[in-house]
Amino acid sequence: MSVGLAPLSPGYLAQSGCRRLTVPEFHNLIDTGFLAEDEKIQLLEGYMVPKMPPKPPHSNTVTRMIKKLIRILPDDWQLRSEQPITLAESEPQPDFTLARGDDAAYQTCHPGPRDIGLVIEVTHSSLAVDRNDMGRIYARAALSIYWIINIVDRQVEVYTDPQPADAVPSYATRTDYKSGDSVPLVLDGQVVAQVPVDELLG
């Protein structure tokens, strides 16, 4: 195992020789009952990866953020928590997705890149995975803005300017917001709210 690769990260699984699945093949496993609909399995770069159970600091931060984000979200956007998004090679379950549309918008499909204004991961013990693997996955899909709520360092990391065509897709710009700062919530290029870091991290 290479240094820095988590045992259940897609980077590690790529080295293990595991067979990659397409998104339609992954959906077929669900449709045929091989995977239960409530099973915490994500498809990341073609590999089935379990979504690990959260620790209390993670759960507490997610609960706080749900209350905050619901209050400030415009009516034509919806907050989705730990629900799938469908990308070309992956179907991750971000801690939060801000997706355009009303409550009936995703009855027959999950949000795709054109539907998504912001993805957010809350990280307590998976910072390397969220920065590297998830950052690469979201940048490859050209998701315009990606936040990491970094509980350990008590900061919000905002990633913008995705570079999907690079050999290793990444975000060109990272801005860190710390205690006392407010993070601009940008949807479709417009700032719709300023979110205090201290209200997200407690």
N, C-alpha and C. Protein backbone atom coordinates (compact mmCIF):
# COMPACT_ATOMS: atom_id res chain seq x y z
N MET A 1 0.85 -1.20 0.00
CA MET A 1 0.00 0.00 0.00
C MET A 1 0.88 1.24 0.00
N SER A 2 0.57 2.19 -0.87
CA SER A 2 1.33 3.43 -0.91
C SER A 2 1.03 4.27 0.31
N VAL A 3 2.03 5.01 0.75
CA VAL A 3 1.85 5.90 1.89
C VAL A 3 0.77 6.93 1.56
N GLY A 4 -0.14 7.15 2.50
CA GLY A 4 -1.16 8.17 2.33
C GLY A 4 -2.45 7.66 1.73
N LEU A 5 -2.52 6.38 1.28
CA LEU A 5 -3.75 5.83 0.73
C LEU A 5 -4.50 5.07 1.82
N ALA A 6 -5.75 5.50 2.06
CA ALA A 6 -6.57 4.79 3.03
C ALA A 6 -6.98 3.44 2.45
N PRO A 7 -7.07 2.38 3.29
CA PRO A 7 -7.36 1.03 2.78
C PRO A 7 -8.66 0.92 2.00
N LEU A 8 -9.64 1.79 2.26
CA LEU A 8 -10.91 1.71 1.55
C LEU A 8 -11.10 2.89 0.61
N SER A 9 -10.04 3.54 0.23
CA SER A 9 -10.14 4.64 -0.72
C SER A 9 -10.06 4.11 -2.14
N PRO A 10 -10.62 4.82 -3.14
CA PRO A 10 -10.52 4.34 -4.52
C PRO A 10 -9.08 4.24 -5.01
N GLY A 11 -8.20 5.10 -4.51
CA GLY A 11 -6.79 5.00 -4.91
C GLY A 11 -6.18 3.69 -4.48
N TYR A 12 -6.50 3.24 -3.28
CA TYR A 12 -6.00 1.95 -2.81
C TYR A 12 -6.61 0.79 -3.59
N LEU A 13 -7.91 0.86 -3.83
CA LEU A 13 -8.59 -0.22 -4.54
C LEU A 13 -8.08 -0.35 -5.97
N ALA A 14 -7.68 0.78 -6.57
CA ALA A 14 -7.14 0.72 -7.93
C ALA A 14 -5.86 -0.11 -7.96
N GLN A 15 -5.07 -0.04 -6.90
CA GLN A 15 -3.83 -0.82 -6.83
C GLN A 15 -4.10 -2.30 -6.52
N SER A 16 -5.25 -2.59 -5.98
CA SER A 16 -5.53 -3.96 -5.53
C SER A 16 -5.96 -4.88 -6.67
N GLY A 17 -6.28 -4.31 -7.83
CA GLY A 17 -6.72 -5.12 -8.95
C GLY A 17 -8.20 -5.42 -8.96
N CYS A 18 -8.98 -4.77 -8.08
CA CYS A 18 -10.42 -4.98 -8.06
C CYS A 18 -11.04 -4.52 -9.39
N ARG A 19 -12.07 -5.23 -9.82
CA ARG A 19 -12.75 -4.85 -11.06
C ARG A 19 -13.57 -3.59 -10.85
N ARG A 20 -13.50 -2.70 -11.82
CA ARG A 20 -14.28 -1.47 -11.76
C ARG A 20 -15.67 -1.70 -12.35
N LEU A 21 -16.66 -1.03 -11.79
CA LEU A 21 -18.03 -1.09 -12.28
C LEU A 21 -18.39 0.22 -12.95
N THR A 22 -19.26 0.16 -13.94
CA THR A 22 -19.84 1.38 -14.50
C THR A 22 -21.01 1.80 -13.62
N VAL A 23 -21.44 3.03 -13.78
CA VAL A 23 -22.61 3.50 -13.01
C VAL A 23 -23.84 2.66 -13.34
N PRO A 24 -24.14 2.34 -14.63
CA PRO A 24 -25.29 1.46 -14.90
C PRO A 24 -25.17 0.08 -14.25
N GLU A 25 -23.97 -0.49 -14.22
CA GLU A 25 -23.79 -1.78 -13.55
C GLU A 25 -24.07 -1.67 -12.06
N PHE A 26 -23.63 -0.59 -11.46
CA PHE A 26 -23.89 -0.35 -10.04
C PHE A 26 -25.39 -0.23 -9.79
N HIS A 27 -26.10 0.52 -10.66
CA HIS A 27 -27.55 0.64 -10.51
C HIS A 27 -28.23 -0.71 -10.65
N ASN A 28 -27.71 -1.56 -11.54
CA ASN A 28 -28.30 -2.88 -11.74
C ASN A 28 -28.18 -3.73 -10.48
N LEU A 29 -27.06 -3.60 -9.76
CA LEU A 29 -26.90 -4.33 -8.50
C LEU A 29 -27.98 -3.92 -7.49
N ILE A 30 -28.35 -2.65 -7.53
CA ILE A 30 -29.42 -2.18 -6.63
C ILE A 30 -30.77 -2.66 -7.13
N ASP A 31 -31.02 -2.52 -8.44
CA ASP A 31 -32.32 -2.90 -9.01
C ASP A 31 -32.62 -4.38 -8.83
N THR A 32 -31.59 -5.22 -8.87
CA THR A 32 -31.80 -6.67 -8.75
C THR A 32 -31.79 -7.15 -7.30
N GLY A 33 -31.56 -6.24 -6.36
CA GLY A 33 -31.57 -6.60 -4.95
C GLY A 33 -30.26 -7.11 -4.42
N PHE A 34 -29.21 -7.14 -5.24
CA PHE A 34 -27.89 -7.56 -4.74
C PHE A 34 -27.41 -6.60 -3.66
N LEU A 35 -27.67 -5.31 -3.87
CA LEU A 35 -27.41 -4.29 -2.86
C LEU A 35 -28.75 -3.73 -2.39
N ALA A 36 -28.92 -3.63 -1.08
CA ALA A 36 -30.14 -3.02 -0.55
C ALA A 36 -30.10 -1.51 -0.77
N GLU A 37 -31.29 -0.92 -0.96
CA GLU A 37 -31.35 0.52 -1.22
C GLU A 37 -30.79 1.33 -0.07
N ASP A 38 -30.90 0.82 1.15
CA ASP A 38 -30.41 1.57 2.31
C ASP A 38 -28.99 1.18 2.70
N GLU A 39 -28.33 0.37 1.86
CA GLU A 39 -26.97 -0.05 2.17
C GLU A 39 -26.01 1.12 1.94
N LYS A 40 -25.12 1.34 2.88
CA LYS A 40 -24.21 2.48 2.81
C LYS A 40 -22.99 2.14 1.96
N ILE A 41 -23.23 2.02 0.66
CA ILE A 41 -22.18 1.73 -0.30
C ILE A 41 -22.15 2.84 -1.35
N GLN A 42 -20.99 3.40 -1.59
CA GLN A 42 -20.82 4.40 -2.62
C GLN A 42 -20.04 3.80 -3.79
N LEU A 43 -20.29 4.29 -4.99
CA LEU A 43 -19.45 3.96 -6.14
C LEU A 43 -18.50 5.12 -6.36
N LEU A 44 -17.20 4.88 -6.16
CA LEU A 44 -16.19 5.92 -6.29
C LEU A 44 -15.18 5.49 -7.35
N GLU A 45 -15.20 6.19 -8.48
CA GLU A 45 -14.29 5.90 -9.59
C GLU A 45 -14.38 4.43 -10.01
N GLY A 46 -15.58 3.87 -9.96
CA GLY A 46 -15.80 2.51 -10.39
C GLY A 46 -15.69 1.46 -9.31
N TYR A 47 -15.33 1.84 -8.10
CA TYR A 47 -15.15 0.89 -7.01
C TYR A 47 -16.24 1.08 -5.95
N MET A 48 -16.78 -0.04 -5.46
CA MET A 48 -17.75 0.03 -4.38
C MET A 48 -17.01 0.22 -3.06
N VAL A 49 -17.31 1.32 -2.39
CA VAL A 49 -16.61 1.69 -1.16
C VAL A 49 -17.66 1.93 -0.07
N PRO A 50 -17.54 1.28 1.08
CA PRO A 50 -18.50 1.53 2.15
C PRO A 50 -18.37 2.94 2.70
N LYS A 51 -19.51 3.52 3.01
CA LYS A 51 -19.52 4.82 3.69
C LYS A 51 -19.44 4.54 5.18
N MET A 52 -18.34 4.96 5.80
CA MET A 52 -18.05 4.55 7.16
C MET A 52 -19.01 5.22 8.15
N PRO A 53 -19.35 4.54 9.24
CA PRO A 53 -20.22 5.14 10.26
C PRO A 53 -19.57 6.39 10.85
N PRO A 54 -20.35 7.44 11.05
CA PRO A 54 -19.77 8.68 11.57
C PRO A 54 -19.48 8.60 13.06
N LYS A 55 -18.46 9.36 13.47
CA LYS A 55 -18.18 9.53 14.89
C LYS A 55 -19.01 10.69 15.43
N PRO A 56 -19.18 10.80 16.75
CA PRO A 56 -20.04 11.84 17.32
C PRO A 56 -19.74 13.26 16.84
N PRO A 57 -18.46 13.70 16.75
CA PRO A 57 -18.23 15.08 16.26
C PRO A 57 -18.78 15.31 14.86
N HIS A 58 -18.67 14.29 14.01
CA HIS A 58 -19.20 14.40 12.65
C HIS A 58 -20.72 14.52 12.68
N SER A 59 -21.37 13.61 13.42
CA SER A 59 -22.83 13.62 13.49
C SER A 59 -23.35 14.93 14.06
N ASN A 60 -22.68 15.43 15.11
CA ASN A 60 -23.11 16.67 15.74
C ASN A 60 -23.01 17.85 14.77
N THR A 61 -21.93 17.88 13.99
CA THR A 61 -21.74 18.97 13.03
C THR A 61 -22.77 18.89 11.91
N VAL A 62 -23.04 17.67 11.43
CA VAL A 62 -24.05 17.50 10.38
C VAL A 62 -25.41 17.99 10.86
N THR A 63 -25.79 17.63 12.08
CA THR A 63 -27.09 18.06 12.63
C THR A 63 -27.17 19.58 12.72
N ARG A 64 -26.08 20.20 13.19
CA ARG A 64 -26.05 21.66 13.29
C ARG A 64 -26.19 22.30 11.90
N MET A 65 -25.49 21.74 10.93
CA MET A 65 -25.50 22.33 9.59
C MET A 65 -26.85 22.19 8.91
N ILE A 66 -27.55 21.08 9.15
CA ILE A 66 -28.88 20.92 8.57
C ILE A 66 -29.79 22.06 9.02
N LYS A 67 -29.79 22.35 10.31
CA LYS A 67 -30.63 23.44 10.83
C LYS A 67 -30.25 24.78 10.20
N LYS A 68 -28.95 25.03 10.06
CA LYS A 68 -28.49 26.30 9.53
C LYS A 68 -28.80 26.42 8.04
N LEU A 69 -28.48 25.42 7.27
CA LEU A 69 -28.62 25.52 5.81
C LEU A 69 -30.08 25.57 5.37
N ILE A 70 -30.94 24.84 6.05
CA ILE A 70 -32.36 24.87 5.69
C ILE A 70 -32.92 26.28 5.84
N ARG A 71 -32.46 27.01 6.86
CA ARG A 71 -32.99 28.36 7.10
C ARG A 71 -32.57 29.36 6.03
N ILE A 72 -31.41 29.16 5.41
CA ILE A 72 -30.88 30.18 4.51
C ILE A 72 -30.98 29.80 3.04
N LEU A 73 -31.42 28.59 2.73
CA LEU A 73 -31.42 28.12 1.36
C LEU A 73 -32.57 28.76 0.58
N PRO A 74 -32.32 29.28 -0.61
CA PRO A 74 -33.41 29.83 -1.44
C PRO A 74 -34.45 28.76 -1.77
N ASP A 75 -35.68 29.21 -2.06
CA ASP A 75 -36.79 28.28 -2.27
C ASP A 75 -36.59 27.36 -3.47
N ASP A 76 -35.83 27.80 -4.47
CA ASP A 76 -35.66 26.98 -5.67
C ASP A 76 -34.46 26.03 -5.57
N TRP A 77 -33.95 25.85 -4.36
CA TRP A 77 -32.87 24.89 -4.11
C TRP A 77 -33.30 23.97 -2.99
N GLN A 78 -32.76 22.76 -2.97
CA GLN A 78 -33.07 21.83 -1.89
C GLN A 78 -31.79 21.30 -1.27
N LEU A 79 -31.89 21.00 0.02
CA LEU A 79 -30.77 20.44 0.78
C LEU A 79 -30.96 18.93 0.85
N ARG A 80 -29.92 18.20 0.40
CA ARG A 80 -29.93 16.74 0.46
C ARG A 80 -28.75 16.30 1.31
N SER A 81 -28.98 15.42 2.26
CA SER A 81 -27.93 14.98 3.18
C SER A 81 -27.71 13.48 3.04
N GLU A 82 -26.45 13.10 2.73
CA GLU A 82 -26.04 11.71 2.59
C GLU A 82 -26.89 10.97 1.57
N GLN A 83 -27.26 11.67 0.49
CA GLN A 83 -28.01 11.07 -0.61
C GLN A 83 -27.13 11.04 -1.87
N PRO A 84 -27.32 10.06 -2.74
CA PRO A 84 -26.42 9.92 -3.89
C PRO A 84 -26.53 11.07 -4.89
N ILE A 85 -25.43 11.32 -5.57
CA ILE A 85 -25.40 12.13 -6.77
C ILE A 85 -24.78 11.27 -7.86
N THR A 86 -25.26 11.42 -9.09
CA THR A 86 -24.81 10.55 -10.17
C THR A 86 -23.84 11.30 -11.07
N LEU A 87 -22.60 10.82 -11.11
CA LEU A 87 -21.55 11.39 -11.95
C LEU A 87 -21.18 10.34 -13.00
N ALA A 88 -20.26 10.67 -13.90
CA ALA A 88 -19.96 9.77 -15.01
C ALA A 88 -19.39 8.44 -14.54
N GLU A 89 -18.49 8.46 -13.54
CA GLU A 89 -17.83 7.24 -13.09
C GLU A 89 -18.10 6.92 -11.62
N SER A 90 -18.85 7.76 -10.97
CA SER A 90 -19.03 7.63 -9.52
C SER A 90 -20.46 7.94 -9.13
N GLU A 91 -20.86 7.39 -7.99
CA GLU A 91 -22.11 7.78 -7.37
C GLU A 91 -21.88 7.92 -5.87
N PRO A 92 -21.22 9.02 -5.48
CA PRO A 92 -20.93 9.25 -4.06
C PRO A 92 -22.18 9.71 -3.31
N GLN A 93 -22.06 9.72 -2.01
CA GLN A 93 -23.13 10.20 -1.13
C GLN A 93 -22.55 11.31 -0.25
N PRO A 94 -22.45 12.53 -0.78
CA PRO A 94 -21.86 13.62 0.01
C PRO A 94 -22.66 13.85 1.29
N ASP A 95 -21.97 14.39 2.29
CA ASP A 95 -22.70 14.76 3.50
C ASP A 95 -23.80 15.75 3.18
N PHE A 96 -23.55 16.68 2.27
CA PHE A 96 -24.57 17.61 1.82
C PHE A 96 -24.43 17.88 0.33
N THR A 97 -25.57 18.00 -0.33
CA THR A 97 -25.64 18.49 -1.70
C THR A 97 -26.70 19.58 -1.74
N LEU A 98 -26.37 20.71 -2.34
CA LEU A 98 -27.38 21.72 -2.63
C LEU A 98 -27.71 21.57 -4.11
N ALA A 99 -28.95 21.14 -4.37
CA ALA A 99 -29.38 20.84 -5.73
C ALA A 99 -30.58 21.71 -6.08
N ARG A 100 -30.62 22.16 -7.33
CA ARG A 100 -31.74 23.00 -7.76
C ARG A 100 -32.99 22.15 -7.95
N GLY A 101 -34.14 22.79 -7.74
CA GLY A 101 -35.41 22.11 -7.95
C GLY A 101 -36.21 21.95 -6.67
N ASP A 102 -37.48 21.57 -6.86
CA ASP A 102 -38.37 21.39 -5.70
C ASP A 102 -38.29 19.95 -5.20
N ASP A 103 -39.19 19.62 -4.26
CA ASP A 103 -39.13 18.30 -3.62
C ASP A 103 -39.41 17.15 -4.59
N ALA A 104 -40.05 17.45 -5.73
CA ALA A 104 -40.38 16.40 -6.69
C ALA A 104 -39.35 16.27 -7.80
N ALA A 105 -38.27 17.03 -7.74
CA ALA A 105 -37.33 17.10 -8.87
C ALA A 105 -36.59 15.79 -9.11
N TYR A 106 -36.41 14.98 -8.08
CA TYR A 106 -35.56 13.79 -8.20
C TYR A 106 -36.29 12.51 -7.84
N GLN A 107 -37.54 12.41 -8.34
CA GLN A 107 -38.32 11.20 -8.10
C GLN A 107 -37.77 10.01 -8.88
N THR A 108 -37.18 10.27 -10.05
CA THR A 108 -36.75 9.17 -10.92
C THR A 108 -35.25 9.13 -11.15
N CYS A 109 -34.53 10.06 -10.60
CA CYS A 109 -33.07 10.07 -10.77
C CYS A 109 -32.45 10.87 -9.63
N HIS A 110 -31.15 10.66 -9.44
CA HIS A 110 -30.41 11.47 -8.50
C HIS A 110 -29.89 12.72 -9.21
N PRO A 111 -29.55 13.76 -8.46
CA PRO A 111 -28.97 14.95 -9.11
C PRO A 111 -27.68 14.61 -9.84
N GLY A 112 -27.49 15.26 -10.98
CA GLY A 112 -26.25 15.15 -11.74
C GLY A 112 -25.49 16.47 -11.70
N PRO A 113 -24.35 16.54 -12.35
CA PRO A 113 -23.51 17.75 -12.28
C PRO A 113 -24.25 19.05 -12.60
N ARG A 114 -25.14 19.03 -13.58
CA ARG A 114 -25.84 20.27 -13.96
C ARG A 114 -26.84 20.72 -12.91
N ASP A 115 -27.23 19.82 -12.02
CA ASP A 115 -28.22 20.14 -10.99
C ASP A 115 -27.60 20.68 -9.71
N ILE A 116 -26.29 20.54 -9.56
CA ILE A 116 -25.64 20.72 -8.26
C ILE A 116 -24.95 22.08 -8.18
N GLY A 117 -25.29 22.83 -7.12
CA GLY A 117 -24.63 24.10 -6.89
C GLY A 117 -23.47 24.00 -5.93
N LEU A 118 -23.53 23.03 -5.01
CA LEU A 118 -22.50 22.91 -3.98
C LEU A 118 -22.53 21.50 -3.41
N VAL A 119 -21.34 20.91 -3.21
CA VAL A 119 -21.22 19.67 -2.44
C VAL A 119 -20.38 19.96 -1.21
N ILE A 120 -20.73 19.30 -0.11
CA ILE A 120 -20.05 19.53 1.17
C ILE A 120 -19.73 18.18 1.80
N GLU A 121 -18.49 18.02 2.25
CA GLU A 121 -18.12 16.87 3.08
C GLU A 121 -17.72 17.38 4.46
N VAL A 122 -18.23 16.74 5.49
CA VAL A 122 -17.83 17.02 6.87
C VAL A 122 -16.78 15.98 7.24
N THR A 123 -15.61 16.43 7.67
CA THR A 123 -14.54 15.47 7.92
C THR A 123 -13.98 15.61 9.33
N HIS A 124 -13.85 14.43 9.96
CA HIS A 124 -13.24 14.37 11.28
C HIS A 124 -12.01 13.46 11.25
N SER A 125 -12.16 12.28 10.63
CA SER A 125 -11.04 11.34 10.56
C SER A 125 -10.71 10.93 9.12
N SER A 126 -11.32 11.58 8.13
CA SER A 126 -11.12 11.19 6.73
C SER A 126 -10.64 12.37 5.88
N LEU A 127 -9.84 13.25 6.48
CA LEU A 127 -9.45 14.47 5.78
C LEU A 127 -8.69 14.18 4.49
N ALA A 128 -7.75 13.24 4.52
CA ALA A 128 -6.97 12.95 3.32
C ALA A 128 -7.86 12.44 2.19
N VAL A 129 -8.82 11.57 2.52
CA VAL A 129 -9.74 11.06 1.51
C VAL A 129 -10.59 12.19 0.94
N ASP A 130 -11.11 13.06 1.81
CA ASP A 130 -11.97 14.14 1.33
C ASP A 130 -11.21 15.15 0.49
N ARG A 131 -9.96 15.44 0.87
CA ARG A 131 -9.17 16.38 0.08
C ARG A 131 -8.73 15.76 -1.25
N ASN A 132 -8.25 14.55 -1.20
CA ASN A 132 -7.63 13.95 -2.38
C ASN A 132 -8.63 13.20 -3.26
N ASP A 133 -9.20 12.12 -2.72
CA ASP A 133 -10.10 11.30 -3.52
C ASP A 133 -11.39 12.04 -3.88
N MET A 134 -12.07 12.58 -2.88
CA MET A 134 -13.34 13.25 -3.18
C MET A 134 -13.10 14.54 -3.97
N GLY A 135 -12.03 15.25 -3.65
CA GLY A 135 -11.70 16.44 -4.44
C GLY A 135 -11.48 16.09 -5.90
N ARG A 136 -10.77 15.01 -6.15
CA ARG A 136 -10.52 14.58 -7.54
C ARG A 136 -11.83 14.19 -8.23
N ILE A 137 -12.68 13.45 -7.54
CA ILE A 137 -13.95 13.01 -8.11
C ILE A 137 -14.85 14.19 -8.44
N TYR A 138 -14.96 15.14 -7.51
CA TYR A 138 -15.84 16.29 -7.75
C TYR A 138 -15.27 17.22 -8.81
N ALA A 139 -13.94 17.37 -8.84
CA ALA A 139 -13.33 18.21 -9.88
C ALA A 139 -13.50 17.57 -11.25
N ARG A 140 -13.36 16.25 -11.36
CA ARG A 140 -13.54 15.56 -12.64
C ARG A 140 -14.95 15.80 -13.18
N ALA A 141 -15.94 15.88 -12.30
CA ALA A 141 -17.32 16.14 -12.70
C ALA A 141 -17.59 17.62 -12.92
N ALA A 142 -16.57 18.48 -12.72
CA ALA A 142 -16.69 19.93 -12.89
C ALA A 142 -17.73 20.54 -11.96
N LEU A 143 -17.87 19.97 -10.75
CA LEU A 143 -18.74 20.59 -9.76
C LEU A 143 -18.07 21.88 -9.31
N SER A 144 -18.78 22.97 -9.42
CA SER A 144 -18.14 24.29 -9.36
C SER A 144 -17.58 24.65 -7.99
N ILE A 145 -18.23 24.19 -6.93
CA ILE A 145 -17.79 24.56 -5.57
C ILE A 145 -17.89 23.34 -4.67
N TYR A 146 -16.84 23.13 -3.90
CA TYR A 146 -16.77 22.00 -2.96
C TYR A 146 -16.26 22.53 -1.63
N TRP A 147 -17.03 22.27 -0.57
CA TRP A 147 -16.62 22.66 0.78
C TRP A 147 -16.20 21.41 1.55
N ILE A 148 -15.13 21.56 2.34
CA ILE A 148 -14.80 20.58 3.38
C ILE A 148 -14.96 21.28 4.73
N ILE A 149 -15.83 20.75 5.57
CA ILE A 149 -15.98 21.23 6.94
C ILE A 149 -14.97 20.46 7.77
N ASN A 150 -13.84 21.07 8.03
CA ASN A 150 -12.69 20.42 8.66
C ASN A 150 -12.80 20.60 10.18
N ILE A 151 -13.34 19.56 10.84
CA ILE A 151 -13.59 19.66 12.28
C ILE A 151 -12.29 19.74 13.06
N VAL A 152 -11.29 18.97 12.66
CA VAL A 152 -10.04 18.90 13.42
C VAL A 152 -9.33 20.25 13.44
N ASP A 153 -9.18 20.87 12.28
CA ASP A 153 -8.48 22.16 12.18
C ASP A 153 -9.42 23.34 12.35
N ARG A 154 -10.70 23.06 12.57
CA ARG A 154 -11.71 24.09 12.81
C ARG A 154 -11.68 25.16 11.72
N GLN A 155 -11.88 24.70 10.50
CA GLN A 155 -11.93 25.61 9.37
C GLN A 155 -12.82 25.02 8.28
N VAL A 156 -13.29 25.91 7.42
CA VAL A 156 -14.03 25.51 6.24
C VAL A 156 -13.13 25.75 5.03
N GLU A 157 -12.88 24.70 4.28
CA GLU A 157 -12.04 24.78 3.09
C GLU A 157 -12.94 24.85 1.87
N VAL A 158 -12.84 25.91 1.11
CA VAL A 158 -13.68 26.11 -0.07
C VAL A 158 -12.83 25.93 -1.32
N TYR A 159 -13.21 24.95 -2.13
CA TYR A 159 -12.48 24.63 -3.36
C TYR A 159 -13.30 25.10 -4.56
N THR A 160 -12.67 25.85 -5.46
CA THR A 160 -13.33 26.38 -6.65
C THR A 160 -12.41 26.23 -7.86
N ASP A 161 -12.91 26.59 -9.02
CA ASP A 161 -12.17 26.51 -10.28
C ASP A 161 -11.73 25.08 -10.58
N PRO A 162 -12.69 24.15 -10.77
CA PRO A 162 -12.31 22.78 -11.08
C PRO A 162 -11.58 22.68 -12.41
N GLN A 163 -10.62 21.76 -12.45
CA GLN A 163 -9.82 21.50 -13.66
C GLN A 163 -10.06 20.05 -14.09
N PRO A 164 -11.22 19.76 -14.72
CA PRO A 164 -11.58 18.37 -15.01
C PRO A 164 -10.71 17.70 -16.06
N ALA A 165 -10.06 18.48 -16.93
CA ALA A 165 -9.28 17.90 -18.02
C ALA A 165 -7.85 17.57 -17.62
N ASP A 166 -7.41 17.97 -16.43
CA ASP A 166 -6.05 17.66 -16.00
C ASP A 166 -5.86 16.15 -15.85
N ALA A 167 -4.62 15.71 -15.95
CA ALA A 167 -4.32 14.28 -15.78
C ALA A 167 -4.85 13.78 -14.44
N VAL A 168 -4.68 14.57 -13.41
CA VAL A 168 -5.31 14.30 -12.12
C VAL A 168 -6.22 15.50 -11.83
N PRO A 169 -7.51 15.37 -12.06
CA PRO A 169 -8.41 16.50 -11.86
C PRO A 169 -8.31 17.05 -10.44
N SER A 170 -8.40 18.38 -10.33
CA SER A 170 -8.31 19.01 -9.02
C SER A 170 -8.96 20.38 -9.11
N TYR A 171 -9.01 21.06 -7.98
CA TYR A 171 -9.51 22.43 -7.93
C TYR A 171 -8.31 23.37 -7.89
N ALA A 172 -8.35 24.40 -8.72
CA ALA A 172 -7.22 25.32 -8.83
C ALA A 172 -7.13 26.26 -7.63
N THR A 173 -8.26 26.50 -6.97
CA THR A 173 -8.28 27.50 -5.90
C THR A 173 -8.84 26.91 -4.62
N ARG A 174 -8.12 27.14 -3.53
CA ARG A 174 -8.60 26.75 -2.21
C ARG A 174 -8.53 27.97 -1.30
N THR A 175 -9.65 28.25 -0.61
CA THR A 175 -9.70 29.35 0.35
C THR A 175 -10.16 28.80 1.69
N ASP A 176 -9.40 29.07 2.74
CA ASP A 176 -9.73 28.59 4.07
C ASP A 176 -10.40 29.70 4.88
N TYR A 177 -11.48 29.33 5.56
CA TYR A 177 -12.21 30.25 6.43
C TYR A 177 -12.13 29.70 7.85
N LYS A 178 -11.73 30.54 8.78
CA LYS A 178 -11.50 30.12 10.16
C LYS A 178 -12.47 30.81 11.11
N SER A 179 -12.35 30.51 12.39
CA SER A 179 -13.22 31.11 13.41
C SER A 179 -13.23 32.62 13.27
N GLY A 180 -14.43 33.20 13.28
CA GLY A 180 -14.58 34.64 13.11
C GLY A 180 -14.87 35.05 11.67
N ASP A 181 -14.57 34.15 10.72
CA ASP A 181 -14.85 34.42 9.30
C ASP A 181 -16.27 33.98 8.96
N SER A 182 -16.75 34.49 7.82
CA SER A 182 -18.01 34.01 7.24
C SER A 182 -17.73 33.48 5.84
N VAL A 183 -18.35 32.36 5.51
CA VAL A 183 -18.16 31.73 4.21
C VAL A 183 -19.27 32.18 3.28
N PRO A 184 -18.94 32.73 2.11
CA PRO A 184 -20.01 33.08 1.17
C PRO A 184 -20.63 31.83 0.57
N LEU A 185 -21.95 31.73 0.66
CA LEU A 185 -22.68 30.65 0.02
C LEU A 185 -23.05 31.11 -1.38
N VAL A 186 -22.40 30.53 -2.37
CA VAL A 186 -22.57 30.95 -3.76
C VAL A 186 -23.32 29.87 -4.52
N LEU A 187 -24.42 30.26 -5.16
CA LEU A 187 -25.20 29.36 -5.99
C LEU A 187 -25.43 30.02 -7.34
N ASP A 188 -25.07 29.34 -8.41
CA ASP A 188 -25.17 29.90 -9.76
C ASP A 188 -24.49 31.25 -9.88
N GLY A 189 -23.34 31.38 -9.22
CA GLY A 189 -22.56 32.60 -9.34
C GLY A 189 -23.01 33.75 -8.48
N GLN A 190 -24.06 33.56 -7.69
CA GLN A 190 -24.59 34.62 -6.84
C GLN A 190 -24.40 34.28 -5.38
N VAL A 191 -23.95 35.25 -4.59
CA VAL A 191 -23.84 35.06 -3.14
C VAL A 191 -25.24 35.17 -2.55
N VAL A 192 -25.73 34.08 -1.97
CA VAL A 192 -27.09 34.09 -1.42
C VAL A 192 -27.09 34.21 0.10
N ALA A 193 -25.94 34.02 0.73
CA ALA A 193 -25.84 34.15 2.19
C ALA A 193 -24.37 34.18 2.59
N GLN A 194 -24.12 34.69 3.79
CA GLN A 194 -22.80 34.61 4.42
C GLN A 194 -22.97 33.71 5.65
N VAL A 195 -22.21 32.65 5.70
CA VAL A 195 -22.39 31.64 6.75
C VAL A 195 -21.22 31.71 7.73
N PRO A 196 -21.45 32.13 8.98
CA PRO A 196 -20.35 32.18 9.96
C PRO A 196 -19.77 30.80 10.22
N VAL A 197 -18.46 30.71 10.18
CA VAL A 197 -17.77 29.45 10.47
C VAL A 197 -18.16 28.93 11.85
N ASP A 198 -18.25 29.84 12.81
CA ASP A 198 -18.54 29.42 14.19
C ASP A 198 -19.92 28.79 14.33
N GLU A 199 -20.84 29.13 13.41
CA GLU A 199 -22.17 28.52 13.46
C GLU A 199 -22.16 27.12 12.84
N LEU A 200 -21.19 26.84 12.00
CA LEU A 200 -21.08 25.51 11.40
C LEU A 200 -20.32 24.56 12.30
N LEU A 201 -19.27 25.06 12.93
CA LEU A 201 -18.41 24.22 13.74
C LEU A 201 -18.73 24.25 15.24
N GLY A 202 -19.53 25.21 15.64
CA GLY A 202 -19.93 25.27 17.05
C GLY A 202 -18.85 25.81 17.96
